[in-house]
C-alpha atoms as a PDB file:
ATOM      1  CA  MET A   1      74.072  42.975  -6.215  1.00  0.00           C
ATOM      2  CA  THR A   2      73.224  46.473  -7.490  1.00  0.00           C
ATOM      3  CA  GLU A   3      69.946  48.254  -6.864  1.00  0.00           C
ATOM      4  CA  ILE A   4      67.228  47.757  -9.496  1.00  0.00           C
ATOM      5  CA  GLU A   5      66.407  51.070 -11.160  1.00  0.00           C
ATOM      6  CA  SER A   6      63.076  52.189 -12.647  1.00  0.00           C
ATOM      7  CA  VAL A   7      63.040  54.896 -15.314  1.00  0.00           C
ATOM      8  CA  SER A   8      60.562  56.846 -17.455  1.00  0.00           C
ATOM      9  CA  ILE A   9      59.745  55.855 -21.009  1.00  0.00           C
ATOM     10  CA  GLU A  10      61.941  58.652 -22.386  1.00  0.00           C
ATOM     11  CA  GLU A  11      64.939  57.467 -20.360  1.00  0.00           C
ATOM     12  CA  PHE A  12      64.217  53.845 -21.268  1.00  0.00           C
ATOM     13  CA  ILE A  13      64.141  54.610 -25.007  1.00  0.00           C
ATOM     14  CA  ALA A  14      67.416  56.539 -24.722  1.00  0.00           C
ATOM     15  CA  LEU A  15      69.051  53.558 -22.971  1.00  0.00           C
ATOM     16  CA  ARG A  16      67.677  51.212 -25.655  1.00  0.00           C
ATOM     17  CA  ASP A  17      70.389  52.449 -28.028  1.00  0.00           C
ATOM     18  CA  ARG A  18      73.059  51.077 -25.677  1.00  0.00           C
ATOM     19  CA  PHE A  19      71.538  48.099 -23.870  1.00  0.00           C
ATOM     20  CA  PRO A  20      69.276  45.161 -24.810  1.00  0.00           C
ATOM     21  CA  VAL A  21      65.552  45.158 -24.043  1.00  0.00           C
ATOM     22  CA  PHE A  22      63.813  42.085 -22.638  1.00  0.00           C
ATOM     23  CA  ASP A  23      60.023  41.806 -22.701  1.00  0.00           C
ATOM     24  CA  VAL A  24      58.769  39.364 -20.052  1.00  0.00           C
ATOM     25  CA  ARG A  25      55.178  39.258 -21.304  1.00  0.00           C
ATOM     26  CA  THR A  26      53.750  36.105 -22.894  1.00  0.00           C
ATOM     27  CA  PRO A  27      54.564  35.158 -26.501  1.00  0.00           C
ATOM     28  CA  ALA A  28      51.047  36.170 -27.587  1.00  0.00           C
ATOM     29  CA  GLU A  29      51.386  39.610 -25.994  1.00  0.00           C
ATOM     30  CA  TYR A  30      54.811  40.040 -27.586  1.00  0.00           C
ATOM     31  CA  ASP A  31      53.557  38.989 -31.034  1.00  0.00           C
ATOM     32  CA  LYS A  32      50.711  41.505 -30.857  1.00  0.00           C
ATOM     33  CA  GLY A  33      53.238  44.303 -30.450  1.00  0.00           C
ATOM     34  CA  HIS A  34      56.591  44.969 -28.778  1.00  0.00           C
ATOM     35  CA  ILE A  35      59.380  47.523 -28.558  1.00  0.00           C
ATOM     36  CA  PRO A  36      61.337  47.135 -31.832  1.00  0.00           C
ATOM     37  CA  GLY A  37      64.507  45.159 -31.246  1.00  0.00           C
ATOM     38  CA  GLY A  38      63.286  43.756 -27.928  1.00  0.00           C
ATOM     39  CA  HIS A  39      63.759  40.091 -26.992  1.00  0.00           C
ATOM     40  CA  ASN A  40      60.892  38.018 -25.639  1.00  0.00           C
ATOM     41  CA  LEU A  41      61.739  36.527 -22.223  1.00  0.00           C
ATOM     42  CA  PRO A  42      58.325  35.265 -21.082  1.00  0.00           C
ATOM     43  CA  LEU A  43      57.812  34.635 -17.406  1.00  0.00           C
ATOM     44  CA  PHE A  44      54.657  32.660 -18.254  1.00  0.00           C
ATOM     45  CA  SER A  45      53.433  30.900 -21.360  1.00  0.00           C
ATOM     46  CA  ASP A  46      50.104  32.050 -22.773  1.00  0.00           C
ATOM     47  CA  VAL A  47      48.303  29.157 -21.071  1.00  0.00           C
ATOM     48  CA  GLU A  48      50.092  29.654 -17.745  1.00  0.00           C
ATOM     49  CA  ARG A  49      49.204  33.318 -17.592  1.00  0.00           C
ATOM     50  CA  ALA A  50      45.544  32.510 -18.259  1.00  0.00           C
ATOM     51  CA  LEU A  51      45.541  29.919 -15.464  1.00  0.00           C
ATOM     52  CA  VAL A  52      47.210  32.287 -12.995  1.00  0.00           C
ATOM     53  CA  GLY A  53      44.657  34.960 -13.897  1.00  0.00           C
ATOM     54  CA  THR A  54      41.796  32.560 -13.272  1.00  0.00           C
ATOM     55  CA  THR A  55      43.237  31.621  -9.891  1.00  0.00           C
ATOM     56  CA  TYR A  56      43.607  35.297  -8.990  1.00  0.00           C
ATOM     57  CA  HIS A  57      39.968  36.021  -9.746  1.00  0.00           C
ATOM     58  CA  ASN A  58      38.688  32.869  -8.029  1.00  0.00           C
ATOM     59  CA  SER A  59      41.005  32.542  -5.031  1.00  0.00           C
ATOM     60  CA  GLY A  60      42.886  35.802  -4.609  1.00  0.00           C
ATOM     61  CA  ARG A  61      46.371  37.220  -4.945  1.00  0.00           C
ATOM     62  CA  GLU A  62      48.294  34.878  -2.636  1.00  0.00           C
ATOM     63  CA  ALA A  63      46.925  31.738  -4.303  1.00  0.00           C
ATOM     64  CA  ALA A  64      47.798  33.159  -7.713  1.00  0.00           C
ATOM     65  CA  ILE A  65      51.364  33.921  -6.599  1.00  0.00           C
ATOM     66  CA  LEU A  66      51.837  30.362  -5.324  1.00  0.00           C
ATOM     67  CA  GLU A  67      50.545  28.919  -8.572  1.00  0.00           C
ATOM     68  CA  GLY A  68      52.812  31.242 -10.537  1.00  0.00           C
ATOM     69  CA  LEU A  69      55.822  30.072  -8.527  1.00  0.00           C
ATOM     70  CA  GLU A  70      55.109  26.489  -9.583  1.00  0.00           C
ATOM     71  CA  TYR A  71      55.503  27.528 -13.219  1.00  0.00           C
ATOM     72  CA  VAL A  72      58.426  29.894 -12.736  1.00  0.00           C
ATOM     73  CA  GLY A  73      60.656  27.826 -10.467  1.00  0.00           C
ATOM     74  CA  PRO A  74      61.801  25.295 -13.087  1.00  0.00           C
ATOM     75  CA  LYS A  75      62.396  28.090 -15.635  1.00  0.00           C
ATOM     76  CA  MET A  76      64.729  30.289 -13.609  1.00  0.00           C
ATOM     77  CA  ARG A  77      67.991  28.819 -14.863  1.00  0.00           C
ATOM     78  CA  GLN A  78      66.722  28.746 -18.442  1.00  0.00           C
ATOM     79  CA  MET A  79      65.747  32.423 -18.287  1.00  0.00           C
ATOM     80  CA  VAL A  80      69.204  33.461 -17.121  1.00  0.00           C
ATOM     81  CA  GLU A  81      70.817  31.341 -19.829  1.00  0.00           C
ATOM     82  CA  THR A  82      68.525  32.897 -22.463  1.00  0.00           C
ATOM     83  CA  VAL A  83      69.732  36.362 -21.473  1.00  0.00           C
ATOM     84  CA  GLN A  84      73.349  35.191 -21.542  1.00  0.00           C
ATOM     85  CA  LYS A  85      72.944  33.845 -25.078  1.00  0.00           C
ATOM     86  CA  ALA A  86      71.162  36.991 -26.298  1.00  0.00           C
ATOM     87  CA  THR A  87      73.690  39.556 -25.103  1.00  0.00           C
ATOM     88  CA  GLY A  88      77.124  40.085 -23.644  1.00  0.00           C
ATOM     89  CA  SER A  89      75.951  43.218 -21.852  1.00  0.00           C
ATOM     90  CA  LYS A  90      75.779  43.136 -18.057  1.00  0.00           C
ATOM     91  CA  THR A  91      73.104  45.857 -18.109  1.00  0.00           C
ATOM     92  CA  VAL A  92      69.633  44.851 -19.305  1.00  0.00           C
ATOM     93  CA  LEU A  93      66.385  46.757 -19.810  1.00  0.00           C
ATOM     94  CA  LEU A  94      63.252  44.968 -18.673  1.00  0.00           C
ATOM     95  CA  HIS A  95      59.506  45.508 -18.906  1.00  0.00           C
ATOM     96  CA  CYS A  96      56.152  43.765 -18.685  1.00  0.00           C
ATOM     97  CA  TRP A  97      52.655  45.125 -19.400  1.00  0.00           C
ATOM     98  CA  ARG A  98      52.319  47.766 -16.663  1.00  0.00           C
ATOM     99  CA  GLY A  99      55.593  47.543 -14.773  1.00  0.00           C
ATOM    100  CA  GLY A 100      54.180  45.170 -12.174  1.00  0.00           C
ATOM    101  CA  MET A 101      55.033  41.818 -10.661  1.00  0.00           C
ATOM    102  CA  ARG A 102      56.303  40.075 -13.761  1.00  0.00           C
ATOM    103  CA  SER A 103      59.075  42.544 -14.578  1.00  0.00           C
ATOM    104  CA  LYS A 104      59.989  42.979 -10.913  1.00  0.00           C
ATOM    105  CA  SER A 105      60.220  39.207 -10.428  1.00  0.00           C
ATOM    106  CA  VAL A 106      62.447  38.661 -13.446  1.00  0.00           C
ATOM    107  CA  GLY A 107      64.397  41.784 -12.502  1.00  0.00           C
ATOM    108  CA  TRP A 108      65.116  40.285  -9.072  1.00  0.00           C
ATOM    109  CA  LEU A 109      66.286  37.028 -10.674  1.00  0.00           C
ATOM    110  CA  LEU A 110      68.668  38.701 -13.142  1.00  0.00           C
ATOM    111  CA  ASN A 111      69.890  41.180 -10.535  1.00  0.00           C
ATOM    112  CA  THR A 112      70.634  38.324  -8.144  1.00  0.00           C
ATOM    113  CA  TYR A 113      72.685  36.659 -10.856  1.00  0.00           C
ATOM    114  CA  GLY A 114      74.712  39.829 -11.348  1.00  0.00           C
ATOM    115  CA  TYR A 115      72.997  41.903 -13.996  1.00  0.00           C
ATOM    116  CA  LYS A 116      72.326  45.596 -13.607  1.00  0.00           C
ATOM    117  CA  VAL A 117      68.579  45.789 -14.265  1.00  0.00           C
ATOM    118  CA  VAL A 118      66.626  48.833 -15.427  1.00  0.00           C
ATOM    119  CA  LEU A 119      62.821  48.582 -15.372  1.00  0.00           C
ATOM    120  CA  LEU A 120      60.354  50.625 -17.418  1.00  0.00           C
ATOM    121  CA  ASN A 121      57.893  52.609 -15.322  1.00  0.00           C
ATOM    122  CA  GLY A 122      54.424  51.827 -16.610  1.00  0.00           C
ATOM    123  CA  GLY A 123      55.646  48.938 -18.769  1.00  0.00           C
ATOM    124  CA  TYR A 124      54.597  48.341 -22.353  1.00  0.00           C
ATOM    125  CA  LYS A 125      51.436  50.360 -21.732  1.00  0.00           C
ATOM    126  CA  ALA A 126      53.612  53.454 -21.188  1.00  0.00           C
ATOM    127  CA  PHE A 127      55.485  52.669 -24.394  1.00  0.00           C
ATOM    128  CA  ARG A 128      52.225  52.479 -26.364  1.00  0.00           C
ATOM    129  CA  ASN A 129      51.162  55.875 -25.034  1.00  0.00           C
ATOM    130  CA  TYR A 130      54.565  57.197 -26.108  1.00  0.00           C
ATOM    131  CA  VAL A 131      54.064  55.718 -29.588  1.00  0.00           C
ATOM    132  CA  LEU A 132      50.589  57.138 -30.141  1.00  0.00           C
ATOM    133  CA  LYS A 133      51.587  60.615 -28.953  1.00  0.00           C
ATOM    134  CA  SER A 134      54.544  60.548 -31.345  1.00  0.00           C
ATOM    135  CA  PHE A 135      52.270  61.014 -34.341  1.00  0.00           C
ATOM    136  CA  GLU A 136      51.037  64.332 -32.971  1.00  0.00           C
ATOM    137  CA  LEU A 137      54.525  65.806 -33.449  1.00  0.00           C
ATOM    138  CA  PRO A 138      54.260  68.230 -36.396  1.00  0.00           C
ATOM    139  CA  ARG A 139      56.459  67.586 -39.403  1.00  0.00           C
ATOM    140  CA  ASN A 140      56.995  69.359 -42.722  1.00  0.00           C
ATOM    141  CA  ILE A 141      55.425  66.703 -44.963  1.00  0.00           C
ATOM    142  CA  ILE A 142      55.594  66.570 -48.746  1.00  0.00           C
ATOM    143  CA  ILE A 143      53.307  63.994 -50.371  1.00  0.00           C
ATOM    144  CA  LEU A 144      54.499  62.408 -53.605  1.00  0.00           C
ATOM    145  CA  SER A 145      51.417  61.507 -55.636  1.00  0.00           C
ATOM    146  CA  GLY A 146      50.727  60.123 -59.099  1.00  0.00           C
ATOM    147  CA  HIS A 147      48.680  57.527 -60.959  1.00  0.00           C
ATOM    148  CA  THR A 148      49.385  53.819 -60.477  1.00  0.00           C
ATOM    149  CA  GLY A 149      52.613  52.871 -62.230  1.00  0.00           C
ATOM    150  CA  SER A 150      54.137  56.355 -62.074  1.00  0.00           C
ATOM    151  CA  GLY A 151      57.221  55.106 -60.217  1.00  0.00           C
ATOM    152  CA  LYS A 152      56.612  56.963 -56.956  1.00  0.00           C
ATOM    153  CA  SER A 153      58.525  54.384 -54.925  1.00  0.00           C
ATOM    154  CA  ASP A 154      61.542  54.680 -57.222  1.00  0.00           C
ATOM    155  CA  VAL A 155      61.549  58.472 -56.862  1.00  0.00           C
ATOM    156  CA  LEU A 156      61.383  58.181 -53.075  1.00  0.00           C
ATOM    157  CA  GLU A 157      64.266  55.708 -53.118  1.00  0.00           C
ATOM    158  CA  HIS A 158      66.311  58.180 -55.167  1.00  0.00           C
ATOM    159  CA  LEU A 159      65.476  60.962 -52.709  1.00  0.00           C
ATOM    160  CA  LYS A 160      66.640  58.718 -49.876  1.00  0.00           C
ATOM    161  CA  ARG A 161      69.979  58.220 -51.631  1.00  0.00           C
ATOM    162  CA  LEU A 162      70.240  62.009 -51.821  1.00  0.00           C
ATOM    163  CA  LYS A 163      69.960  62.056 -47.994  1.00  0.00           C
ATOM    164  CA  GLU A 164      66.424  63.450 -48.008  1.00  0.00           C
ATOM    165  CA  GLN A 165      64.130  62.426 -45.171  1.00  0.00           C
ATOM    166  CA  VAL A 166      61.874  59.654 -46.507  1.00  0.00           C
ATOM    167  CA  ILE A 167      59.552  57.280 -44.675  1.00  0.00           C
ATOM    168  CA  ASP A 168      58.541  54.172 -46.609  1.00  0.00           C
ATOM    169  CA  LEU A 169      55.054  53.498 -45.245  1.00  0.00           C
ATOM    170  CA  GLU A 170      54.506  50.614 -47.641  1.00  0.00           C
ATOM    171  CA  GLY A 171      57.795  49.031 -46.608  1.00  0.00           C
ATOM    172  CA  LEU A 172      56.865  49.262 -42.934  1.00  0.00           C
ATOM    173  CA  ALA A 173      53.416  47.807 -43.667  1.00  0.00           C
ATOM    174  CA  HIS A 174      54.795  45.062 -45.962  1.00  0.00           C
ATOM    175  CA  HIS A 175      52.177  46.020 -48.546  1.00  0.00           C
ATOM    176  CA  LYS A 176      52.121  48.222 -51.662  1.00  0.00           C
ATOM    177  CA  GLY A 177      48.643  49.508 -50.892  1.00  0.00           C
ATOM    178  CA  SER A 178      46.705  48.059 -53.844  1.00  0.00           C
ATOM    179  CA  ALA A 179      44.906  44.852 -54.786  1.00  0.00           C
ATOM    180  CA  PHE A 180      48.325  43.597 -55.927  1.00  0.00           C
ATOM    181  CA  GLY A 181      50.086  45.051 -52.886  1.00  0.00           C
ATOM    182  CA  GLY A 182      50.717  41.799 -51.047  1.00  0.00           C
ATOM    183  CA  LEU A 183      52.522  40.089 -53.921  1.00  0.00           C
ATOM    184  CA  GLY A 184      56.107  39.279 -53.026  1.00  0.00           C
ATOM    185  CA  GLU A 185      55.788  40.797 -49.555  1.00  0.00           C
ATOM    186  CA  LEU A 186      56.335  39.343 -46.095  1.00  0.00           C
ATOM    187  CA  PRO A 187      53.211  38.880 -43.929  1.00  0.00           C
ATOM    188  CA  GLN A 188      51.975  42.206 -42.631  1.00  0.00           C
ATOM    189  CA  PRO A 189      52.997  43.125 -39.067  1.00  0.00           C
ATOM    190  CA  SER A 190      50.311  43.584 -36.441  1.00  0.00           C
ATOM    191  CA  GLN A 191      48.723  47.023 -36.283  1.00  0.00           C
ATOM    192  CA  GLN A 192      50.577  47.740 -33.056  1.00  0.00           C
ATOM    193  CA  GLN A 193      53.934  46.700 -34.471  1.00  0.00           C
ATOM    194  CA  PHE A 194      53.391  48.788 -37.595  1.00  0.00           C
ATOM    195  CA  GLU A 195      52.753  51.799 -35.342  1.00  0.00           C
ATOM    196  CA  ASN A 196      55.651  50.952 -33.036  1.00  0.00           C
ATOM    197  CA  ARG A 197      58.198  50.858 -35.848  1.00  0.00           C
ATOM    198  CA  LEU A 198      56.755  53.930 -37.562  1.00  0.00           C
ATOM    199  CA  ALA A 199      56.924  55.944 -34.328  1.00  0.00           C
ATOM    200  CA  PHE A 200      60.695  55.570 -34.080  1.00  0.00           C
ATOM    201  CA  TYR A 201      61.149  56.884 -37.618  1.00  0.00           C
ATOM    202  CA  TRP A 202      58.713  59.722 -36.962  1.00  0.00           C
ATOM    203  CA  ARG A 203      60.367  60.876 -33.738  1.00  0.00           C
ATOM    204  CA  ASP A 204      63.852  60.835 -35.261  1.00  0.00           C
ATOM    205  CA  LEU A 205      62.930  63.229 -38.076  1.00  0.00           C
ATOM    206  CA  ASN A 206      64.395  66.730 -38.189  1.00  0.00           C
ATOM    207  CA  SER A 207      61.346  68.987 -37.970  1.00  0.00           C
ATOM    208  CA  ASP A 208      63.198  71.777 -39.816  1.00  0.00           C
ATOM    209  CA  ARG A 209      63.575  69.656 -42.945  1.00  0.00           C
ATOM    210  CA  PRO A 210      60.867  68.199 -45.198  1.00  0.00           C
ATOM    211  CA  VAL A 211      59.867  64.547 -44.949  1.00  0.00           C
ATOM    212  CA  TRP A 212      58.677  62.774 -48.086  1.00  0.00           C
ATOM    213  CA  LEU A 213      55.802  60.297 -47.985  1.00  0.00           C
ATOM    214  CA  GLU A 214      54.032  58.464 -50.784  1.00  0.00           C
ATOM    215  CA  ASP A 215      50.374  59.289 -51.330  1.00  0.00           C
ATOM    216  CA  GLU A 216      48.405  56.543 -49.594  1.00  0.00           C
ATOM    217  CA  SER A 217      44.884  55.817 -48.525  1.00  0.00           C
ATOM    218  CA  GLN A 218      44.658  55.555 -44.750  1.00  0.00           C
ATOM    219  CA  LYS A 219      44.546  51.775 -45.048  1.00  0.00           C
ATOM    220  CA  ILE A 220      47.633  50.018 -46.407  1.00  0.00           C
ATOM    221  CA  GLY A 221      46.608  46.427 -46.876  1.00  0.00           C
ATOM    222  CA  SER A 222      45.121  45.630 -43.480  1.00  0.00           C
ATOM    223  CA  ARG A 223      47.088  48.283 -41.580  1.00  0.00           C
ATOM    224  CA  MET A 224      45.862  51.779 -40.759  1.00  0.00           C
ATOM    225  CA  ILE A 225      47.959  54.932 -40.760  1.00  0.00           C
ATOM    226  CA  PRO A 226      47.459  56.485 -37.267  1.00  0.00           C
ATOM    227  CA  HIS A 227      44.856  59.271 -37.316  1.00  0.00           C
ATOM    228  CA  PRO A 228      47.142  62.126 -36.146  1.00  0.00           C
ATOM    229  CA  LEU A 229      49.645  61.334 -38.901  1.00  0.00           C
ATOM    230  CA  TRP A 230      46.876  60.854 -41.450  1.00  0.00           C
ATOM    231  CA  ARG A 231      45.498  64.319 -40.661  1.00  0.00           C
ATOM    232  CA  GLN A 232      48.930  65.835 -41.242  1.00  0.00           C
ATOM    233  CA  MET A 233      49.237  63.977 -44.539  1.00  0.00           C
ATOM    234  CA  ARG A 234      45.868  65.276 -45.760  1.00  0.00           C
ATOM    235  CA  ASN A 235      46.955  68.863 -45.069  1.00  0.00           C
ATOM    236  CA  ALA A 236      50.427  68.507 -46.608  1.00  0.00           C
ATOM    237  CA  GLN A 237      51.902  69.881 -49.811  1.00  0.00           C
ATOM    238  CA  VAL A 238      51.397  67.486 -52.751  1.00  0.00           C
ATOM    239  CA  ILE A 239      53.689  66.956 -55.736  1.00  0.00           C
ATOM    240  CA  PHE A 240      52.025  65.001 -58.557  1.00  0.00           C
ATOM    241  CA  LEU A 241      54.086  62.902 -60.983  1.00  0.00           C
ATOM    242  CA  LYS A 242      52.773  63.071 -64.548  1.00  0.00           C
ATOM    243  CA  VAL A 243      53.927  59.977 -66.417  1.00  0.00           C
ATOM    244  CA  PRO A 244      52.677  58.888 -69.881  1.00  0.00           C
ATOM    245  CA  PHE A 245      50.182  56.039 -69.928  1.00  0.00           C
ATOM    246  CA  GLU A 246      52.461  53.833 -72.039  1.00  0.00           C
ATOM    247  CA  SER A 247      55.344  54.263 -69.592  1.00  0.00           C
ATOM    248  CA  ARG A 248      53.082  53.276 -66.705  1.00  0.00           C
ATOM    249  CA  VAL A 249      52.032  50.124 -68.593  1.00  0.00           C
ATOM    250  CA  ASP A 250      55.677  49.223 -69.254  1.00  0.00           C
ATOM    251  CA  ARG A 251      56.611  49.773 -65.628  1.00  0.00           C
ATOM    252  CA  LEU A 252      53.799  47.607 -64.249  1.00  0.00           C
ATOM    253  CA  THR A 253      54.409  44.898 -66.844  1.00  0.00           C
ATOM    254  CA  GLY A 254      57.988  44.617 -65.652  1.00  0.00           C
ATOM    255  CA  GLU A 255      57.112  44.873 -61.982  1.00  0.00           C
ATOM    256  CA  TYR A 256      54.377  42.231 -61.944  1.00  0.00           C
ATOM    257  CA  GLY A 257      55.608  40.003 -64.762  1.00  0.00           C
ATOM    258  CA  ILE A 258      57.718  38.055 -62.281  1.00  0.00           C
ATOM    259  CA  PHE A 259      54.657  36.609 -60.516  1.00  0.00           C
ATOM    260  CA  GLN A 260      52.738  33.448 -61.315  1.00  0.00           C
ATOM    261  CA  LYS A 261      49.502  33.662 -63.320  1.00  0.00           C
ATOM    262  CA  LEU A 262      47.447  32.342 -60.417  1.00  0.00           C
ATOM    263  CA  GLU A 263      48.767  35.048 -58.092  1.00  0.00           C
ATOM    264  CA  LEU A 264      47.933  37.770 -60.605  1.00  0.00           C
ATOM    265  CA  MET A 265      44.466  36.372 -61.276  1.00  0.00           C
ATOM    266  CA  GLU A 266      43.657  36.199 -57.568  1.00  0.00           C
ATOM    267  CA  SER A 267      44.638  39.864 -57.240  1.00  0.00           C
ATOM    268  CA  ILE A 268      42.550  40.867 -60.253  1.00  0.00           C
ATOM    269  CA  GLU A 269      39.506  39.137 -58.724  1.00  0.00           C
ATOM    270  CA  LYS A 270      39.760  41.532 -55.778  1.00  0.00           C
ATOM    271  CA  LEU A 271      38.884  44.356 -58.183  1.00  0.00           C
ATOM    272  CA  ARG A 272      35.609  42.810 -59.380  1.00  0.00           C
ATOM    273  CA  THR A 273      33.401  45.131 -57.317  1.00  0.00           C
ATOM    274  CA  ARG A 274      35.333  48.206 -58.381  1.00  0.00           C
ATOM    275  CA  LEU A 275      35.848  47.413 -62.076  1.00  0.00           C
ATOM    276  CA  GLY A 276      32.836  45.257 -62.849  1.00  0.00           C
ATOM    277  CA  GLY A 277      32.640  41.754 -64.239  1.00  0.00           C
ATOM    278  CA  VAL A 278      33.262  42.666 -67.882  1.00  0.00           C
ATOM    279  CA  GLN A 279      36.619  44.384 -67.297  1.00  0.00           C
ATOM    280  CA  VAL A 280      37.776  41.757 -64.837  1.00  0.00           C
ATOM    281  CA  LYS A 281      36.964  39.036 -67.362  1.00  0.00           C
ATOM    282  CA  LYS A 282      39.003  40.837 -70.054  1.00  0.00           C
ATOM    283  CA  ALA A 283      41.946  41.254 -67.692  1.00  0.00           C
ATOM    284  CA  LEU A 284      41.846  37.595 -66.662  1.00  0.00           C
ATOM    285  CA  GLU A 285      41.744  36.483 -70.291  1.00  0.00           C
ATOM    286  CA  ALA A 286      44.784  38.638 -71.047  1.00  0.00           C
ATOM    287  CA  VAL A 287      46.736  36.972 -68.243  1.00  0.00           C
ATOM    288  CA  THR A 288      45.675  33.523 -69.479  1.00  0.00           C
ATOM    289  CA  GLN A 289      46.942  34.434 -72.953  1.00  0.00           C
ATOM    290  CA  ASN A 290      50.283  35.679 -71.536  1.00  0.00           C
ATOM    291  CA  ASP A 291      49.483  39.220 -72.631  1.00  0.00           C
ATOM    292  CA  LEU A 292      50.400  41.066 -69.468  1.00  0.00           C
ATOM    293  CA  PRO A 293      50.764  44.473 -71.206  1.00  0.00           C
ATOM    294  CA  LEU A 294      47.131  44.216 -72.355  1.00  0.00           C
ATOM    295  CA  CYS A 295      46.069  43.240 -68.827  1.00  0.00           C
ATOM    296  CA  CYS A 296      47.859  46.283 -67.411  1.00  0.00           C
ATOM    297  CA  GLU A 297      46.245  48.545 -70.018  1.00  0.00           C
ATOM    298  CA  ILE A 298      42.783  47.276 -69.108  1.00  0.00           C
ATOM    299  CA  LEU A 299      43.377  47.768 -65.397  1.00  0.00           C
ATOM    300  CA  LEU A 300      45.002  51.186 -65.692  1.00  0.00           C
ATOM    301  CA  ARG A 301      42.165  52.570 -67.802  1.00  0.00           C
ATOM    302  CA  HIS A 302      39.749  51.832 -64.971  1.00  0.00           C
ATOM    303  CA  TYR A 303      42.012  51.842 -61.927  1.00  0.00           C
ATOM    304  CA  SER A 304      44.373  54.759 -61.405  1.00  0.00           C
END
């Protein structure tokens, strides 16, 4: 049995490229946000953790530990088998919320079985601090702007193929940032998970080279661009794409013509406050009459 090692967040992230990460927090904690690529190996279920917490507050630490052991005992074999199925590595990275009893308990179990265990000092809380500080790192940002339907995403994709540094904020947020932005997209990640994934891209950028971002409002769907990054974006160089109105109509007609009428109409309704009832009614009638180009013209004349 080797000694269990505890490392800083920087060392832990470096090891993450070589060894699997196991998060022993509850499923609800994991779903709210986790280290990208990490496996959930919950010591307690959501209900069990709540019950242990109640016992701790009412009866003290020792009573809570005894209650926790009742839940954990029958799971010990299953937890080891879960790790075996998830990885062939004999070294595993482990963390809980603050680097306390949960990670140390599971670390002891896996270490006893024969795994080399590395714990994260400060747990997931330390990782979140690492994530939020990441966005303070200065980068040479270029913002690609343009009216709706200008093809900004296509240009960024082309730049990516040319090996330029590009971060697809809309892709990370699973939303195109407009009233129609959720069409065809996966459910949006939690705010924490959006930030967690974005931080890894942000830290890996070469600060000597430009990074291209699409012009966005701070809110993409229901997700917010972190304030430090948003401030950098607002102070960045902007390149504006000038595309003829007719070309923008053609592009949007092709892009959104694949969706069902009901989906399009529900998205148009979201613009009622911004466009007014008259324009929304005209756009809805155009969709009903299968005249999507007319619908796009109406929207683009009032929504750029």
